[in-house]
Amino acid sequence: MKVSIVIRTKNEERFVGQVLEKIFSQDYPAPFEVLVLDSGSTDATLQIVARFPIRLHHIAPRTFSYGRALNCGAALATGEQVVHLSAHCIPGDHMWLANLTALLEDPAIVATFGRQEPLMGLNPFEELELQAIFPRDPNKPCLSIFSNSNCAIKRDVLLRYPFDETIPFAEDFLWRKLLPEAYKSVYVPEASVYHSHPLSFRFWAKRFRVNGECVQYMDRNFGIPYAWGDPQDDLSRLSKNWMALMRRELEYFVANRYYRSILMIPVYEFVRTFFYMSGLRRGRKIYSAHQDPQLV
């Protein structure tokens, strides 16, 4: 079957060239196309992607949401299978695409998602999380129910069950939760990519705040608990989790000799807690219990 690989970009000059080089060196027997959806890059992203045989589509930044971009990619795709890949997720080997899409030949399986490995040493905090969530061993359970950073979905299913276009983040988690139970998605650790974000407190503060908003969005609009937290979380409830995370990070950093990062542990966990709680409060104000999610 023909595959359409959809990549969303905005200022992705650091890794997008490596991503595309890996894609076009895949050992894949069937034809595939690559669509790049750019939402206003101001760095060298567009010059880099122009060096490859891709289809480029522009999305107005003011209309961007993750879900809307994913749905746009499905609408533009010409393949029967749609692969979504973040622009900074570098395929681990030349069999990535074949491994990711192979199980979609099974009529009972509508989606697959692959492993996400950290770039070792770039961000020790995320490194620890990714290794726990996405195990290499296929006999160990994946702690994520789905991720569109590295996934393949049958296009007819995407068109029938599009992503929510309003949720500020975690649209992949919500999509999987809303998919009919009979539709199977499978974790494929052999389809691995390298996926890391630098340790920027500005970036992670925004991510933690949005996670808090998503907890409220899913609860108030769908009655769905988000794996990241609980709508009633407060400082008292979070303090035990905060201490457990700090102990785990300390043990990992010592074991891997990330000694310089040890002093950052309390700062990182303070940022996580403060901005997550800020997102919870903001989410309570934005999303009422009876709003239609498409009208929020």
Protein backbone atom coordinates (compact mmCIF):
# COMPACT_ATOMS: atom_id res chain seq x y z
CA MET A 1 0.00 0.00 0.00
CA LYS A 2 1.09 3.55 -0.65
CA VAL A 3 2.16 5.51 2.41
CA SER A 4 1.95 9.25 3.04
CA ILE A 5 4.43 10.57 5.60
CA VAL A 6 3.20 13.81 7.15
CA ILE A 7 5.66 16.08 8.97
CA ARG A 8 4.64 19.24 10.80
CA THR A 9 7.25 21.98 10.95
CA LYS A 10 7.83 25.35 12.54
CA ASN A 11 11.43 26.42 12.99
CA GLU A 12 12.81 22.88 12.88
CA GLU A 13 16.14 23.61 11.18
CA ARG A 14 18.15 21.72 13.81
CA PHE A 15 16.90 18.22 12.96
CA VAL A 16 14.56 18.28 9.95
CA GLY A 17 17.37 17.69 7.46
CA GLN A 18 18.49 14.56 9.31
CA VAL A 19 14.88 13.39 9.53
CA LEU A 20 14.35 13.71 5.78
CA GLU A 21 17.69 12.09 4.93
CA LYS A 22 16.70 9.08 7.03
CA ILE A 23 13.25 8.92 5.45
CA PHE A 24 14.58 8.90 1.90
CA SER A 25 17.11 6.20 2.75
CA GLN A 26 14.44 3.76 3.96
CA ASP A 27 14.42 0.20 2.71
CA TYR A 28 10.74 0.19 1.76
CA PRO A 29 9.34 -1.74 -1.24
CA ALA A 30 6.22 0.35 -1.93
CA PRO A 31 5.94 3.97 -3.07
CA PHE A 32 5.61 6.67 -0.45
CA GLU A 33 5.21 10.44 -0.44
CA VAL A 34 6.34 13.03 2.10
CA LEU A 35 4.15 16.01 2.98
CA VAL A 36 5.60 18.87 5.01
CA LEU A 37 3.04 21.10 6.72
CA ASP A 38 4.73 24.33 7.76
CA SER A 39 3.07 26.83 10.08
CA GLY A 40 5.26 29.88 9.70
CA SER A 41 8.92 28.92 9.97
CA THR A 42 11.27 31.91 10.14
CA ASP A 43 14.55 29.98 10.32
CA ALA A 44 16.15 27.82 7.59
CA THR A 45 13.51 25.07 7.76
CA LEU A 46 11.94 25.83 4.37
CA GLN A 47 15.32 26.05 2.62
CA ILE A 48 16.30 22.67 4.07
CA VAL A 49 13.11 20.83 3.13
CA ALA A 50 13.28 22.30 -0.39
CA ARG A 51 16.32 20.11 -1.02
CA PHE A 52 14.15 16.99 -0.84
CA PRO A 53 11.32 15.68 -3.08
CA ILE A 54 8.51 16.63 -0.73
CA ARG A 55 5.11 18.27 -1.07
CA LEU A 56 4.98 21.51 0.93
CA HIS A 57 1.76 22.93 2.36
CA HIS A 58 1.51 26.13 4.41
CA ILE A 59 -0.73 26.50 7.46
CA ALA A 60 -1.52 29.98 8.77
CA PRO A 61 -0.02 30.23 12.28
CA ARG A 62 -3.16 31.89 13.64
CA THR A 63 -5.27 28.86 12.69
CA PHE A 64 -2.78 26.23 13.89
CA SER A 65 -3.59 23.53 16.38
CA TYR A 66 -1.97 20.12 16.55
CA GLY A 67 -5.24 18.36 15.82
CA ARG A 68 -6.09 20.67 12.91
CA ALA A 69 -2.66 20.12 11.33
CA LEU A 70 -3.00 16.35 11.67
CA ASN A 71 -6.43 16.42 10.04
CA CYS A 72 -5.09 18.63 7.26
CA GLY A 73 -2.36 16.08 6.62
CA ALA A 74 -4.89 13.26 6.38
CA ALA A 75 -6.98 15.29 3.92
CA LEU A 76 -3.97 16.03 1.69
CA ALA A 77 -2.52 12.53 1.82
CA THR A 78 -2.88 10.26 -1.21
CA GLY A 79 -1.71 7.08 0.53
CA GLU A 80 -3.92 4.46 2.15
CA GLN A 81 -1.71 4.68 5.25
CA VAL A 82 -0.74 7.97 6.91
CA VAL A 83 2.46 8.17 8.93
CA HIS A 84 2.77 11.10 11.32
CA LEU A 85 6.30 12.00 12.32
CA SER A 86 7.48 14.98 14.34
CA ALA A 87 10.05 17.07 12.50
CA HIS A 88 12.67 16.42 15.18
CA CYS A 89 12.09 12.63 15.38
CA ILE A 90 14.98 10.99 13.55
CA PRO A 91 14.28 7.41 12.34
CA GLY A 92 16.68 5.01 14.01
CA ASP A 93 17.44 2.81 10.99
CA HIS A 94 16.56 2.02 7.37
CA MET A 95 13.76 -0.38 8.39
CA TRP A 96 11.80 2.15 10.48
CA LEU A 97 9.03 2.69 7.91
CA ALA A 98 8.61 -0.98 7.05
CA ASN A 99 8.41 -1.93 10.74
CA LEU A 100 5.97 0.85 11.55
CA THR A 101 3.50 0.02 8.77
CA ALA A 102 3.74 -3.78 8.53
CA LEU A 103 1.02 -4.55 11.06
CA LEU A 104 -1.50 -2.34 9.25
CA GLU A 105 -1.93 -5.19 6.79
CA ASP A 106 -4.00 -6.83 9.55
CA PRO A 107 -7.66 -5.76 9.13
CA ALA A 108 -8.11 -5.65 12.91
CA ILE A 109 -5.27 -3.15 13.47
CA VAL A 110 -5.94 0.47 12.51
CA ALA A 111 -2.90 2.19 13.99
CA THR A 112 0.65 1.58 15.19
CA PHE A 113 3.11 3.74 17.08
CA GLY A 114 6.81 3.28 17.52
CA ARG A 115 9.45 3.64 20.18
CA GLN A 116 10.92 7.03 21.07
CA GLU A 117 14.53 6.93 22.18
CA PRO A 118 16.29 9.91 23.77
CA LEU A 119 19.42 11.50 22.42
CA MET A 120 21.57 10.47 25.35
CA GLY A 121 22.90 13.35 27.43
CA LEU A 122 20.85 16.08 25.76
CA ASN A 123 18.13 16.24 28.41
CA PRO A 124 18.56 13.80 31.32
CA PHE A 125 15.06 14.45 32.66
CA GLU A 126 13.35 13.58 29.38
CA GLU A 127 15.86 10.78 28.83
CA LEU A 128 14.67 9.07 32.01
CA GLU A 129 10.99 9.52 31.08
CA LEU A 130 11.29 8.25 27.51
CA GLN A 131 13.15 5.12 28.53
CA ALA A 132 10.46 4.34 31.09
CA ILE A 133 7.53 5.04 28.75
CA PHE A 134 8.81 3.39 25.55
CA PRO A 135 10.61 0.13 26.40
CA ARG A 136 12.88 -1.61 23.92
CA ASP A 137 11.69 -5.03 25.09
CA PRO A 138 8.45 -5.98 23.25
CA ASN A 139 7.42 -8.05 26.28
CA LYS A 140 7.31 -4.99 28.51
CA PRO A 141 4.18 -2.79 28.41
CA CYS A 142 4.38 0.63 26.83
CA LEU A 143 3.20 3.30 29.30
CA SER A 144 1.69 5.43 26.53
CA ILE A 145 -1.58 4.41 24.89
CA PHE A 146 -0.63 6.22 21.67
CA SER A 147 1.67 8.91 20.28
CA ASN A 148 1.48 10.71 16.96
CA SER A 149 5.11 11.78 17.16
CA ASN A 150 5.88 8.46 15.46
CA CYS A 151 2.80 6.61 14.26
CA ALA A 152 0.97 5.09 11.30
CA ILE A 153 -2.82 5.14 10.87
CA LYS A 154 -5.12 3.86 8.14
CA ARG A 155 -6.30 6.94 6.26
CA ASP A 156 -9.96 5.89 6.08
CA VAL A 157 -9.99 5.63 9.88
CA LEU A 158 -8.44 9.10 10.20
CA LEU A 159 -11.09 10.59 7.94
CA ARG A 160 -13.85 8.84 9.87
CA TYR A 161 -12.41 9.67 13.29
CA PRO A 162 -10.45 12.93 13.00
CA PHE A 163 -8.37 14.45 15.77
CA ASP A 164 -9.93 16.98 18.11
CA GLU A 165 -8.90 20.39 16.78
CA THR A 166 -9.47 22.40 19.95
CA ILE A 167 -7.48 20.63 22.65
CA PRO A 168 -4.19 22.51 23.19
CA PHE A 169 -2.09 19.36 23.52
CA ALA A 170 -2.42 15.56 23.99
CA GLU A 171 -4.66 15.28 20.93
CA ASP A 172 -3.20 11.80 20.30
CA PHE A 173 -4.15 10.56 23.78
CA LEU A 174 -7.70 11.90 23.35
CA TRP A 175 -8.00 10.45 19.83
CA ARG A 176 -7.10 7.00 21.06
CA LYS A 177 -9.49 7.27 23.99
CA LEU A 178 -12.38 8.23 21.69
CA LEU A 179 -11.65 5.53 19.10
CA PRO A 180 -14.09 2.57 19.18
CA GLU A 181 -12.86 -0.26 21.39
CA ALA A 182 -12.93 -2.70 18.47
CA TYR A 183 -10.19 -0.69 16.74
CA LYS A 184 -6.75 -1.92 17.77
CA SER A 185 -3.56 0.12 17.99
CA VAL A 186 -0.22 -1.60 18.57
CA TYR A 187 3.11 -0.47 20.00
CA VAL A 188 6.02 -1.39 17.71
CA PRO A 189 9.35 -0.95 19.53
CA GLU A 190 11.30 -1.94 16.39
CA ALA A 191 10.06 1.23 14.66
CA SER A 192 12.21 3.53 16.75
CA VAL A 193 13.07 7.21 16.40
CA TYR A 194 15.37 9.53 18.34
CA HIS A 195 13.20 12.17 19.98
CA SER A 196 14.52 14.69 22.49
CA HIS A 197 13.91 18.30 23.46
CA PRO A 198 16.69 20.48 24.91
CA LEU A 199 16.48 21.33 28.59
CA SER A 200 14.85 24.74 28.16
CA PHE A 201 12.87 25.79 31.22
CA ARG A 202 10.77 28.09 29.06
CA PHE A 203 9.79 25.17 26.81
CA TRP A 204 9.02 22.82 29.69
CA ALA A 205 7.11 25.45 31.67
CA LYS A 206 4.79 25.85 28.70
CA ARG A 207 4.49 22.07 28.29
CA PHE A 208 3.60 21.55 31.96
CA ARG A 209 1.05 24.37 31.90
CA VAL A 210 -0.63 22.96 28.82
CA ASN A 211 -0.74 19.53 30.44
CA GLY A 212 -2.74 21.07 33.28
CA GLU A 213 -5.13 22.66 30.81
CA CYS A 214 -5.58 19.33 29.03
CA VAL A 215 -6.51 17.60 32.28
CA GLN A 216 -9.43 20.02 32.63
CA TYR A 217 -10.36 19.91 28.94
CA MET A 218 -10.73 16.14 28.85
CA ASP A 219 -12.53 15.96 32.17
CA ARG A 220 -15.03 18.76 31.52
CA ASN A 221 -15.77 18.04 27.88
CA PHE A 222 -15.54 14.26 27.69
CA GLY A 223 -15.35 12.94 31.24
CA ILE A 224 -12.04 11.29 30.34
CA PRO A 225 -9.18 11.15 32.86
CA TYR A 226 -5.86 12.25 31.40
CA ALA A 227 -2.88 10.10 32.33
CA TRP A 228 -0.89 13.19 33.29
CA GLY A 229 -2.95 14.16 36.34
CA ASP A 230 -6.27 14.76 38.05
CA PRO A 231 -8.58 17.81 37.90
CA GLN A 232 -8.49 18.06 41.71
CA ASP A 233 -4.70 18.05 42.01
CA ASP A 234 -3.34 20.59 44.49
CA LEU A 235 -0.01 21.25 46.19
CA SER A 236 -0.75 18.78 48.97
CA ARG A 237 -1.59 15.95 46.56
CA LEU A 238 1.35 16.72 44.30
CA SER A 239 4.00 16.95 47.02
CA LYS A 240 4.30 13.15 47.44
CA ASN A 241 4.65 12.69 43.70
CA TRP A 242 7.16 15.52 43.57
CA MET A 243 9.42 13.87 46.17
CA ALA A 244 9.19 10.47 44.45
CA LEU A 245 10.19 12.01 41.11
CA MET A 246 13.15 13.78 42.68
CA ARG A 247 14.42 10.56 44.26
CA ARG A 248 14.09 8.69 40.96
CA GLU A 249 15.90 11.46 39.07
CA LEU A 250 18.69 11.58 41.66
CA GLU A 251 19.26 7.83 41.42
CA TYR A 252 19.30 7.94 37.60
CA PHE A 253 21.64 10.93 37.39
CA VAL A 254 24.12 9.37 39.81
CA ALA A 255 24.00 6.02 38.01
CA ASN A 256 24.66 7.72 34.65
CA ARG A 257 27.16 10.27 36.01
CA TYR A 258 25.03 13.29 35.18
CA TYR A 259 26.46 15.04 38.21
CA ARG A 260 26.01 18.58 36.89
CA SER A 261 22.30 17.95 36.41
CA ILE A 262 21.71 16.96 40.04
CA LEU A 263 21.50 20.59 41.18
CA MET A 264 18.80 21.20 38.57
CA ILE A 265 16.44 18.57 40.00
CA PRO A 266 14.60 20.80 42.52
CA VAL A 267 14.37 23.62 39.97
CA TYR A 268 12.93 21.33 37.29
CA GLU A 269 10.39 19.80 39.68
CA PHE A 270 9.39 23.24 40.96
CA VAL A 271 8.77 24.34 37.36
CA ARG A 272 6.77 21.15 36.73
CA THR A 273 4.55 21.63 39.78
CA PHE A 274 4.07 25.40 39.56
CA PHE A 275 3.17 25.54 35.88
CA TYR A 276 1.07 22.37 35.96
CA MET A 277 -1.04 23.88 38.76
CA SER A 278 -1.22 27.13 36.81
CA GLY A 279 -2.56 25.16 33.83
CA LEU A 280 -5.16 23.44 36.03
CA ARG A 281 -6.43 26.81 37.25
CA ARG A 282 -6.51 28.25 33.75
CA GLY A 283 -8.31 25.17 32.44
CA ARG A 284 -11.01 25.51 35.09
CA LYS A 285 -11.68 29.06 33.90
CA ILE A 286 -11.69 28.25 30.20
CA TYR A 287 -13.66 25.01 30.05
CA SER A 288 -17.07 24.68 31.65
CA ALA A 289 -18.60 21.30 32.42
CA HIS A 290 -21.29 21.55 29.75
CA GLN A 291 -19.53 23.17 26.80
CA ASP A 292 -19.41 21.45 23.44
CA PRO A 293 -15.68 20.80 22.84
CA GLN A 294 -15.98 22.11 19.29
CA LEU A 295 -17.19 25.46 20.62
CA VAL A 296 -14.58 26.06 23.29
